[in-house]
Every structure is written in structure tokens, then in C-alpha cells.
Amino acid sequence: MSGPCHGTIVDRRTSGGGVTGALGSYVVQDDEDERYYSFDCRQIMTEGFRTIRTGERVCFHVSAQSPDRAEFVIHLDQPDPAEYYL
């Protein structure tokens, strides 16, 4: 496994991820080398509902098994709950 990378979520799809294609899929662009990596909601490291918004900054690792896949994705921009509950 490579060291941690930082990037921005550039695309979000409601399906296409996971073995059966039923999970949401995402694309992150690495800030350093500008490559694109895909991942599904199972790779988002959080408790509860696993989703990420387009434009959100994340930290991730590149998969050793699939070099075009991101894994262990961590939110860097936490949304303000007041935006959703006012």
C-alpha cells in the first residue's frame, strides 16, 4: 500500500460500485499527480451513512491490488450540520 494521498471528489454516481454495481461510486482526483481514482461507499472510513459530496477534500490510499482504485478514504471537509438542519 502506498502512503496517504490528498485529493478532491470530482464525480459521484448513484450506482456502479461494488461487486454487483449496486453501490454508489465516486471518483477522486489526486492533488499531486492529478490522476483519477475510483472507489465505492465501502471504502469511506466513517460511522453511519457513508457518502461524500462532489468538491469535498479527502485523504486516501491507492490500492496495491488495483492501482486505479482508492481505498481507506477519509473526509477532510466535515459539513456543518447547521447547513442541513435550519
Protein backbone atom coordinates (compact mmCIF):
# COMPACT_ATOMS: atom_id res chain seq x y z
CA MET A 1 0.00 0.00 0.00
CA SER A 2 1.25 3.48 -0.84
CA GLY A 3 1.37 6.38 1.58
CA PRO A 4 -1.58 8.72 2.04
CA CYS A 5 -2.68 10.92 -0.86
CA HIS A 6 -4.87 14.01 -0.81
CA GLY A 7 -7.47 14.85 -3.40
CA THR A 8 -10.87 16.23 -4.31
CA ILE A 9 -14.05 14.31 -5.17
CA VAL A 10 -14.81 15.15 -8.81
CA ASP A 11 -17.67 12.75 -9.61
CA ARG A 12 -20.38 10.84 -7.77
CA ARG A 13 -22.66 8.19 -9.25
CA THR A 14 -25.62 6.58 -7.53
CA SER A 15 -24.68 3.12 -8.82
CA GLY A 16 -21.79 1.30 -10.45
CA GLY A 17 -19.73 0.47 -7.37
CA GLY A 18 -19.27 -2.83 -5.58
CA VAL A 19 -19.26 -6.35 -6.99
CA THR A 20 -22.84 -6.16 -8.32
CA GLY A 21 -22.76 -2.49 -9.32
CA ALA A 22 -25.47 -1.62 -6.81
CA LEU A 23 -23.36 0.66 -4.58
CA GLY A 24 -22.65 4.34 -5.12
CA SER A 25 -19.34 5.04 -6.82
CA TYR A 26 -17.04 8.05 -6.62
CA VAL A 27 -14.03 9.49 -8.43
CA VAL A 28 -11.24 11.36 -6.61
CA GLN A 29 -8.53 13.40 -8.35
CA ASP A 30 -5.13 13.34 -6.64
CA ASP A 31 -3.90 16.85 -5.81
CA GLU A 32 -0.26 15.98 -6.52
CA ASP A 33 -0.21 13.93 -9.73
CA GLU A 34 -3.77 14.83 -10.94
CA ARG A 35 -4.60 11.14 -11.61
CA TYR A 36 -8.14 9.87 -11.11
CA TYR A 37 -9.04 7.00 -8.77
CA SER A 38 -12.45 5.39 -8.27
CA PHE A 39 -13.95 3.86 -5.13
CA ASP A 40 -17.31 2.89 -3.70
CA CYS A 41 -19.00 3.71 -0.41
CA ARG A 42 -17.44 0.69 1.34
CA GLN A 43 -14.07 2.48 1.24
CA ILE A 44 -15.31 5.58 3.10
CA MET A 45 -13.97 5.41 6.65
CA THR A 46 -16.77 6.76 8.82
CA GLU A 47 -19.55 5.59 11.08
CA GLY A 48 -23.14 5.65 9.90
CA PHE A 49 -24.25 6.73 6.42
CA ARG A 50 -21.27 6.61 4.05
CA THR A 51 -21.41 9.32 1.43
CA ILE A 52 -19.18 12.11 0.14
CA ARG A 53 -20.13 15.26 -1.75
CA THR A 54 -18.60 16.39 -5.03
CA GLY A 55 -15.94 19.02 -4.31
CA GLU A 56 -15.12 17.59 -0.88
CA ARG A 57 -11.44 17.13 0.03
CA VAL A 58 -10.32 13.66 1.17
CA CYS A 59 -7.26 11.69 2.23
CA PHE A 60 -6.90 8.20 0.70
CA HIS A 61 -4.53 5.36 -0.19
CA VAL A 62 -4.06 3.87 -3.66
CA SER A 63 -4.98 0.18 -3.72
CA ALA A 64 -2.00 -2.18 -4.12
CA GLN A 65 -4.26 -4.70 -5.91
CA SER A 66 -5.85 -2.20 -8.33
CA PRO A 67 -3.73 0.90 -8.97
CA ASP A 68 -6.74 2.79 -10.38
CA ARG A 69 -8.72 2.37 -7.14
CA ALA A 70 -8.71 4.44 -3.95
CA GLU A 71 -9.22 2.85 -0.53
CA PHE A 72 -9.41 3.96 3.11
CA VAL A 73 -11.00 7.28 2.09
CA ILE A 74 -11.27 9.83 4.94
CA HIS A 75 -13.29 13.07 4.91
CA LEU A 76 -11.17 16.21 5.37
CA ASP A 77 -14.07 18.66 4.97
CA GLN A 78 -16.77 17.89 7.50
CA PRO A 79 -20.10 19.51 6.60
CA ASP A 80 -21.62 21.99 9.02
CA PRO A 81 -24.81 20.39 10.45
CA ALA A 82 -26.44 23.84 10.52
CA GLU A 83 -26.47 23.78 6.70
CA TYR A 84 -28.89 20.87 6.80
CA TYR A 85 -30.95 21.41 9.95
CA LEU A 86 -32.03 25.06 9.94
